[in-house]
């Protein structure tokens, strides 16, 4: 199955998944599977959204992906 990727506020030139806008995964894959396929650690500090809904780090392993989903990764943004 294929999912779309969206990177926000990331230096994609040094990112392991640079140049990717789509990711091909096996059926039944979850958010952790996608992160690992991108060369990232399971507990990466990036915030993750699935189809614009936040996926907390504790739920990444239980959050299944479907054909056509959009996975967004971005650094946590702090302001003051």
PDB file of N, CA and C in Angstrom:
ATOM      1  N   UNK A   1       0.845  -1.176   0.000  1.00  0.00           N
ATOM      2  CA  UNK A   1       0.000   0.000   0.000  1.00  0.00           C
ATOM      3  C   UNK A   1       0.883   1.229   0.000  1.00  0.00           C
ATOM      4  N   UNK A   2       0.376   2.316  -0.547  1.00  0.00           N
ATOM      5  CA  UNK A   2       1.140   3.551  -0.611  1.00  0.00           C
ATOM      6  C   UNK A   2       0.492   4.620   0.260  1.00  0.00           C
ATOM      7  N   UNK A   3       1.350   5.347   0.995  1.00  0.00           N
ATOM      8  CA  UNK A   3       0.897   6.492   1.777  1.00  0.00           C
ATOM      9  C   UNK A   3       1.662   7.722   1.302  1.00  0.00           C
ATOM     10  N   UNK A   4       1.078   8.877   1.527  1.00  0.00           N
ATOM     11  CA  UNK A   4       1.739  10.138   1.196  1.00  0.00           C
ATOM     12  C   UNK A   4       2.504  10.629   2.420  1.00  0.00           C
ATOM     13  N   UNK A   5       3.603  11.335   2.165  1.00  0.00           N
ATOM     14  CA  UNK A   5       4.426  11.889   3.229  1.00  0.00           C
ATOM     15  C   UNK A   5       4.422  13.406   3.137  1.00  0.00           C
ATOM     16  N   UNK A   6       4.415  14.040   4.289  1.00  0.00           N
ATOM     17  CA  UNK A   6       4.470  15.489   4.368  1.00  0.00           C
ATOM     18  C   UNK A   6       5.458  15.839   5.467  1.00  0.00           C
ATOM     19  N   UNK A   7       6.447  16.672   5.154  1.00  0.00           N
ATOM     20  CA  UNK A   7       7.462  17.073   6.121  1.00  0.00           C
ATOM     21  C   UNK A   7       7.338  18.570   6.375  1.00  0.00           C
ATOM     22  N   UNK A   8       7.209  18.964   7.641  1.00  0.00           N
ATOM     23  CA  UNK A   8       7.042  20.369   8.007  1.00  0.00           C
ATOM     24  C   UNK A   8       8.192  20.773   8.926  1.00  0.00           C
ATOM     25  N   UNK A   9       8.837  21.882   8.608  1.00  0.00           N
ATOM     26  CA  UNK A   9       9.919  22.437   9.435  1.00  0.00           C
ATOM     27  C   UNK A   9      11.069  21.457   9.633  1.00  0.00           C
ATOM     28  N   UNK A  10      11.333  20.649   8.624  1.00  0.00           N
ATOM     29  CA  UNK A  10      12.441  19.707   8.691  1.00  0.00           C
ATOM     30  C   UNK A  10      13.465  20.065   7.631  1.00  0.00           C
ATOM     31  N   UNK A  11      14.730  19.884   7.955  1.00  0.00           N
ATOM     32  CA  UNK A  11      15.795  20.033   6.976  1.00  0.00           C
ATOM     33  C   UNK A  11      15.847  18.742   6.168  1.00  0.00           C
ATOM     34  N   UNK A  12      15.028  18.670   5.121  1.00  0.00           N
ATOM     35  CA  UNK A  12      14.881  17.415   4.387  1.00  0.00           C
ATOM     36  C   UNK A  12      16.142  16.987   3.664  1.00  0.00           C
ATOM     37  N   UNK A  13      17.100  17.891   3.447  1.00  0.00           N
ATOM     38  CA  UNK A  13      18.335  17.490   2.789  1.00  0.00           C
ATOM     39  C   UNK A  13      19.157  16.529   3.639  1.00  0.00           C
ATOM     40  N   UNK A  14      19.042  16.638   4.968  1.00  0.00           N
ATOM     41  CA  UNK A  14      19.772  15.737   5.850  1.00  0.00           C
ATOM     42  C   UNK A  14      18.865  14.666   6.448  1.00  0.00           C
ATOM     43  N   UNK A  15      17.615  14.667   6.055  1.00  0.00           N
ATOM     44  CA  UNK A  15      16.629  13.720   6.569  1.00  0.00           C
ATOM     45  C   UNK A  15      16.799  12.370   5.876  1.00  0.00           C
ATOM     46  N   UNK A  16      16.729  11.258   6.619  1.00  0.00           N
ATOM     47  CA  UNK A  16      16.920   9.945   5.983  1.00  0.00           C
ATOM     48  C   UNK A  16      15.964   9.677   4.819  1.00  0.00           C
ATOM     49  N   UNK A  17      14.750  10.206   4.883  1.00  0.00           N
ATOM     50  CA  UNK A  17      13.775   9.962   3.823  1.00  0.00           C
ATOM     51  C   UNK A  17      13.725  11.064   2.781  1.00  0.00           C
ATOM     52  N   UNK A  18      14.833  11.827   2.633  1.00  0.00           N
ATOM     53  CA  UNK A  18      14.820  12.984   1.736  1.00  0.00           C
ATOM     54  C   UNK A  18      14.419  12.582   0.320  1.00  0.00           C
ATOM     55  N   UNK A  19      13.669  13.444  -0.297  1.00  0.00           N
ATOM     56  CA  UNK A  19      13.228  13.201  -1.666  1.00  0.00           C
ATOM     57  C   UNK A  19      11.991  12.334  -1.773  1.00  0.00           C
ATOM     58  N   UNK A  20      11.554  11.762  -0.673  1.00  0.00           N
ATOM     59  CA  UNK A  20      10.372  10.901  -0.710  1.00  0.00           C
ATOM     60  C   UNK A  20       9.116  11.719  -0.479  1.00  0.00           C
ATOM     61  N   UNK A  21       8.122  11.471  -1.281  1.00  0.00           N
ATOM     62  CA  UNK A  21       6.819  12.096  -1.093  1.00  0.00           C
ATOM     63  C   UNK A  21       5.757  11.019  -0.938  1.00  0.00           C
ATOM     64  N   UNK A  22       6.202   9.792  -1.075  1.00  0.00           N
ATOM     65  CA  UNK A  22       5.305   8.643  -1.011  1.00  0.00           C
ATOM     66  C   UNK A  22       6.114   7.482  -0.433  1.00  0.00           C
ATOM     67  N   UNK A  23       5.445   6.604   0.255  1.00  0.00           N
ATOM     68  CA  UNK A  23       6.112   5.459   0.863  1.00  0.00           C
ATOM     69  C   UNK A  23       5.271   4.232   0.611  1.00  0.00           C
ATOM     70  N   UNK A  24       5.918   3.161   0.151  1.00  0.00           N
ATOM     71  CA  UNK A  24       5.230   1.906  -0.114  1.00  0.00           C
ATOM     72  C   UNK A  24       5.468   0.972   1.074  1.00  0.00           C
ATOM     73  N   UNK A  25       4.390   0.566   1.739  1.00  0.00           N
ATOM     74  CA  UNK A  25       4.464  -0.282   2.928  1.00  0.00           C
ATOM     75  C   UNK A  25       3.595  -1.506   2.755  1.00  0.00           C
ATOM     76  N   UNK A  26       3.861  -2.513   3.568  1.00  0.00           N
ATOM     77  CA  UNK A  26       3.021  -3.723   3.526  1.00  0.00           C
ATOM     78  C   UNK A  26       1.659  -3.439   4.147  1.00  0.00           C
ATOM     79  N   UNK A  27       0.653  -4.165   3.721  1.00  0.00           N
ATOM     80  CA  UNK A  27      -0.687  -4.034   4.310  1.00  0.00           C
ATOM     81  C   UNK A  27      -0.601  -4.279   5.808  1.00  0.00           C
ATOM     82  N   UNK A  28      -1.337  -3.512   6.569  1.00  0.00           N
ATOM     83  CA  UNK A  28      -1.346  -3.665   8.019  1.00  0.00           C
ATOM     84  C   UNK A  28      -0.237  -2.900   8.721  1.00  0.00           C
ATOM     85  N   UNK A  29       0.552  -2.136   7.971  1.00  0.00           N
ATOM     86  CA  UNK A  29       1.645  -1.369   8.577  1.00  0.00           C
ATOM     87  C   UNK A  29       1.086  -0.291   9.499  1.00  0.00           C
ATOM     88  N   UNK A  30       1.902   0.092  10.472  1.00  0.00           N
ATOM     89  CA  UNK A  30       1.505   1.147  11.405  1.00  0.00           C
ATOM     90  C   UNK A  30       2.475   2.324  11.300  1.00  0.00           C
ATOM     91  N   UNK A  31       2.277   3.328  12.128  1.00  0.00           N
ATOM     92  CA  UNK A  31       3.112   4.532  12.073  1.00  0.00           C
ATOM     93  C   UNK A  31       4.572   4.195  12.365  1.00  0.00           C
ATOM     94  N   UNK A  32       4.830   3.300  13.311  1.00  0.00           N
ATOM     95  CA  UNK A  32       6.208   2.904  13.621  1.00  0.00           C
ATOM     96  C   UNK A  32       6.854   2.257  12.401  1.00  0.00           C
ATOM     97  N   UNK A  33       6.128   1.416  11.689  1.00  0.00           N
ATOM     98  CA  UNK A  33       6.668   0.789  10.477  1.00  0.00           C
ATOM     99  C   UNK A  33       7.093   1.850   9.464  1.00  0.00           C
ATOM    100  N   UNK A  34       6.292   2.898   9.323  1.00  0.00           N
ATOM    101  CA  UNK A  34       6.624   3.979   8.386  1.00  0.00           C
ATOM    102  C   UNK A  34       7.878   4.713   8.843  1.00  0.00           C
ATOM    103  N   UNK A  35       7.986   5.007  10.131  1.00  0.00           N
ATOM    104  CA  UNK A  35       9.171   5.692  10.645  1.00  0.00           C
ATOM    105  C   UNK A  35      10.425   4.858  10.404  1.00  0.00           C
ATOM    106  N   UNK A  36      10.339   3.567  10.680  1.00  0.00           N
ATOM    107  CA  UNK A  36      11.487   2.688  10.472  1.00  0.00           C
ATOM    108  C   UNK A  36      11.860   2.616   8.996  1.00  0.00           C
ATOM    109  N   UNK A  37      10.863   2.591   8.108  1.00  0.00           N
ATOM    110  CA  UNK A  37      11.116   2.568   6.667  1.00  0.00           C
ATOM    111  C   UNK A  37      11.801   3.844   6.200  1.00  0.00           C
ATOM    112  N   UNK A  38      11.607   4.943   6.930  1.00  0.00           N
ATOM    113  CA  UNK A  38      12.253   6.214   6.612  1.00  0.00           C
ATOM    114  C   UNK A  38      13.641   6.329   7.247  1.00  0.00           C
ATOM    115  N   UNK A  39      14.052   5.304   7.987  1.00  0.00           N
ATOM    116  CA  UNK A  39      15.363   5.325   8.626  1.00  0.00           C
ATOM    117  C   UNK A  39      15.379   6.043   9.955  1.00  0.00           C
ATOM    118  N   UNK A  40      14.206   6.211  10.563  1.00  0.00           N
ATOM    119  CA  UNK A  40      14.095   6.891  11.853  1.00  0.00           C
ATOM    120  C   UNK A  40      13.896   5.882  12.973  1.00  0.00           C
ATOM    121  N   UNK A  41      14.227   6.296  14.175  1.00  0.00           N
ATOM    122  CA  UNK A  41      14.007   5.456  15.352  1.00  0.00           C
ATOM    123  C   UNK A  41      12.522   5.438  15.709  1.00  0.00           C
ATOM    124  N   UNK A  42      12.101   4.381  16.364  1.00  0.00           N
ATOM    125  CA  UNK A  42      10.700   4.246  16.780  1.00  0.00           C
ATOM    126  C   UNK A  42      10.280   5.392  17.699  1.00  0.00           C
ATOM    127  N   UNK A  43      11.165   5.805  18.595  1.00  0.00           N
ATOM    128  CA  UNK A  43      10.840   6.857  19.568  1.00  0.00           C
ATOM    129  C   UNK A  43      11.314   8.234  19.121  1.00  0.00           C
ATOM    130  N   UNK A  44      11.359   8.451  17.836  1.00  0.00           N
ATOM    131  CA  UNK A  44      11.805   9.742  17.314  1.00  0.00           C
ATOM    132  C   UNK A  44      11.008  10.879  17.936  1.00  0.00           C
ATOM    133  N   UNK A  45      11.643  12.027  18.072  1.00  0.00           N
ATOM    134  CA  UNK A  45      10.996  13.156  18.742  1.00  0.00           C
ATOM    135  C   UNK A  45      10.121  13.977  17.803  1.00  0.00           C
ATOM    136  N   UNK A  46      10.021  13.607  16.554  1.00  0.00           N
ATOM    137  CA  UNK A  46       9.126  14.311  15.644  1.00  0.00           C
ATOM    138  C   UNK A  46       7.680  14.144  16.089  1.00  0.00           C
ATOM    139  N   UNK A  47       6.886  15.178  15.877  1.00  0.00           N
ATOM    140  CA  UNK A  47       5.446  15.042  16.063  1.00  0.00           C
ATOM    141  C   UNK A  47       4.902  14.357  14.815  1.00  0.00           C
ATOM    142  N   UNK A  48       3.898  13.527  15.001  1.00  0.00           N
ATOM    143  CA  UNK A  48       3.313  12.810  13.871  1.00  0.00           C
ATOM    144  C   UNK A  48       1.827  13.088  13.783  1.00  0.00           C
ATOM    145  N   UNK A  49       1.390  13.311  12.553  1.00  0.00           N
ATOM    146  CA  UNK A  49      -0.027  13.461  12.258  1.00  0.00           C
ATOM    147  C   UNK A  49      -0.394  12.419  11.219  1.00  0.00           C
ATOM    148  N   UNK A  50      -1.557  11.851  11.377  1.00  0.00           N
ATOM    149  CA  UNK A  50      -2.092  10.949  10.370  1.00  0.00           C
ATOM    150  C   UNK A  50      -3.386  11.562   9.868  1.00  0.00           C
ATOM    151  N   UNK A  51      -3.375  11.963   8.619  1.00  0.00           N
ATOM    152  CA  UNK A  51      -4.543  12.625   8.031  1.00  0.00           C
ATOM    153  C   UNK A  51      -5.007  13.789   8.896  1.00  0.00           C
ATOM    154  N   UNK A  52      -4.061  14.587   9.371  1.00  0.00           N
ATOM    155  CA  UNK A  52      -4.297  15.802  10.151  1.00  0.00           C
ATOM    156  C   UNK A  52      -4.724  15.563  11.596  1.00  0.00           C
ATOM    157  N   UNK A  53      -4.700  14.316  12.051  1.00  0.00           N
ATOM    158  CA  UNK A  53      -4.982  14.010  13.458  1.00  0.00           C
ATOM    159  C   UNK A  53      -3.685  13.599  14.147  1.00  0.00           C
ATOM    160  N   UNK A  54      -3.431  14.174  15.307  1.00  0.00           N
ATOM    161  CA  UNK A  54      -2.209  13.891  16.045  1.00  0.00           C
ATOM    162  C   UNK A  54      -2.151  12.423  16.462  1.00  0.00           C
ATOM    163  N   UNK A  55      -0.951  11.840  16.345  1.00  0.00           N
ATOM    164  CA  UNK A  55      -0.718  10.472  16.803  1.00  0.00           C
ATOM    165  C   UNK A  55       0.350  10.556  17.892  1.00  0.00           C
ATOM    166  N   UNK A  56      -0.044  10.445  19.167  1.00  0.00           N
ATOM    167  CA  UNK A  56       0.938  10.485  20.252  1.00  0.00           C
ATOM    168  C   UNK A  56       1.950   9.345  20.123  1.00  0.00           C
ATOM    169  N   UNK A  57       3.150   9.587  20.602  1.00  0.00           N
ATOM    170  CA  UNK A  57       4.220   8.582  20.521  1.00  0.00           C
ATOM    171  C   UNK A  57       3.775   7.244  21.100  1.00  0.00           C
ATOM    172  N   UNK A  58       2.987   7.275  22.162  1.00  0.00           N
ATOM    173  CA  UNK A  58       2.542   6.036  22.807  1.00  0.00           C
ATOM    174  C   UNK A  58       1.541   5.247  21.966  1.00  0.00           C
ATOM    175  N   UNK A  59       0.948   5.871  20.949  1.00  0.00           N
ATOM    176  CA  UNK A  59      -0.041   5.188  20.109  1.00  0.00           C
ATOM    177  C   UNK A  59       0.467   4.881  18.702  1.00  0.00           C
ATOM    178  N   UNK A  60       1.709   5.223  18.408  1.00  0.00           N
ATOM    179  CA  UNK A  60       2.235   5.001  17.054  1.00  0.00           C
ATOM    180  C   UNK A  60       2.197   3.534  16.636  1.00  0.00           C
ATOM    181  N   UNK A  61       2.521   2.648  17.559  1.00  0.00           N
ATOM    182  CA  UNK A  61       2.550   1.217  17.236  1.00  0.00           C
ATOM    183  C   UNK A  61       1.149   0.659  16.992  1.00  0.00           C
ATOM    184  N   UNK A  62       0.148   1.254  17.610  1.00  0.00           N
ATOM    185  CA  UNK A  62      -1.229   0.762  17.484  1.00  0.00           C
ATOM    186  C   UNK A  62      -2.009   1.472  16.377  1.00  0.00           C
ATOM    187  N   UNK A  63      -1.409   2.486  15.750  1.00  0.00           N
ATOM    188  CA  UNK A  63      -2.113   3.262  14.726  1.00  0.00           C
ATOM    189  C   UNK A  63      -1.804   2.709  13.349  1.00  0.00           C
ATOM    190  N   UNK A  64      -2.779   2.010  12.793  1.00  0.00           N
ATOM    191  CA  UNK A  64      -2.628   1.373  11.479  1.00  0.00           C
ATOM    192  C   UNK A  64      -2.764   2.397  10.367  1.00  0.00           C
ATOM    193  N   UNK A  65      -2.045   2.155   9.294  1.00  0.00           N
ATOM    194  CA  UNK A  65      -2.092   2.999   8.110  1.00  0.00           C
ATOM    195  C   UNK A  65      -2.930   2.324   7.033  1.00  0.00           C
ATOM    196  N   UNK A  66      -3.536   3.138   6.187  1.00  0.00           N
ATOM    197  CA  UNK A  66      -4.346   2.639   5.078  1.00  0.00           C
ATOM    198  C   UNK A  66      -3.877   3.275   3.782  1.00  0.00           C
ATOM    199  N   UNK A  67      -4.147   2.626   2.683  1.00  0.00           N
ATOM    200  CA  UNK A  67      -3.829   3.142   1.360  1.00  0.00           C
ATOM    201  C   UNK A  67      -4.303   4.592   1.233  1.00  0.00           C
ATOM    202  N   UNK A  68      -3.397   5.459   0.774  1.00  0.00           N
ATOM    203  CA  UNK A  68      -3.760   6.853   0.541  1.00  0.00           C
ATOM    204  C   UNK A  68      -3.678   7.767   1.745  1.00  0.00           C
ATOM    205  N   UNK A  69      -3.368   7.230   2.933  1.00  0.00           N
ATOM    206  CA  UNK A  69      -3.215   8.077   4.118  1.00  0.00           C
ATOM    207  C   UNK A  69      -2.073   9.067   3.912  1.00  0.00           C
ATOM    208  N   UNK A  70      -2.111  10.169   4.657  1.00  0.00           N
ATOM    209  CA  UNK A  70      -1.015  11.133   4.663  1.00  0.00           C
ATOM    210  C   UNK A  70      -0.399  11.158   6.060  1.00  0.00           C
ATOM    211  N   UNK A  71       0.888  10.872   6.117  1.00  0.00           N
ATOM    212  CA  UNK A  71       1.640  10.922   7.362  1.00  0.00           C
ATOM    213  C   UNK A  71       2.495  12.181   7.333  1.00  0.00           C
ATOM    214  N   UNK A  72       2.302  13.043   8.334  1.00  0.00           N
ATOM    215  CA  UNK A  72       3.040  14.293   8.437  1.00  0.00           C
ATOM    216  C   UNK A  72       4.004  14.209   9.617  1.00  0.00           C
ATOM    217  N   UNK A  73       5.252  14.603   9.385  1.00  0.00           N
ATOM    218  CA  UNK A  73       6.268  14.639  10.432  1.00  0.00           C
ATOM    219  C   UNK A  73       6.763  16.068  10.554  1.00  0.00           C
ATOM    220  N   UNK A  74       6.890  16.546  11.797  1.00  0.00           N
ATOM    221  CA  UNK A  74       7.464  17.863  12.003  1.00  0.00           C
ATOM    222  C   UNK A  74       8.047  17.984  13.392  1.00  0.00           C
ATOM    223  N   UNK A  75       8.997  18.921  13.509  1.00  0.00           N
ATOM    224  CA  UNK A  75       9.588  19.194  14.808  1.00  0.00           C
ATOM    225  C   UNK A  75       8.558  19.885  15.696  1.00  0.00           C
ATOM    226  N   UNK A  76       8.560  19.576  16.972  1.00  0.00           N
ATOM    227  CA  UNK A  76       7.706  20.343  17.876  1.00  0.00           C
ATOM    228  C   UNK A  76       8.115  21.812  17.817  1.00  0.00           C
ATOM    229  N   UNK A  77       7.151  22.689  17.750  1.00  0.00           N
ATOM    230  CA  UNK A  77       7.425  24.117  17.640  1.00  0.00           C
ATOM    231  C   UNK A  77       7.050  24.784  18.966  1.00  0.00           C
ATOM    232  N   UNK A  78       7.996  25.549  19.501  1.00  0.00           N
ATOM    233  CA  UNK A  78       7.747  26.261  20.746  1.00  0.00           C
ATOM    234  C   UNK A  78       7.868  27.741  20.483  1.00  0.00           C
ATOM    235  N   UNK A  79       7.090  28.480  21.172  1.00  0.00           N
ATOM    236  CA  UNK A  79       7.164  29.938  21.009  1.00  0.00           C
ATOM    237  C   UNK A  79       6.993  30.637  22.346  1.00  0.00           C
ATOM    238  N   UNK A  80       7.122  31.904  22.323  1.00  0.00           N
ATOM    239  CA  UNK A  80       7.019  32.591  23.587  1.00  0.00           C
ATOM    240  C   UNK A  80       6.421  33.935  23.507  1.00  0.00           C
TER     241      UNK A  80
END
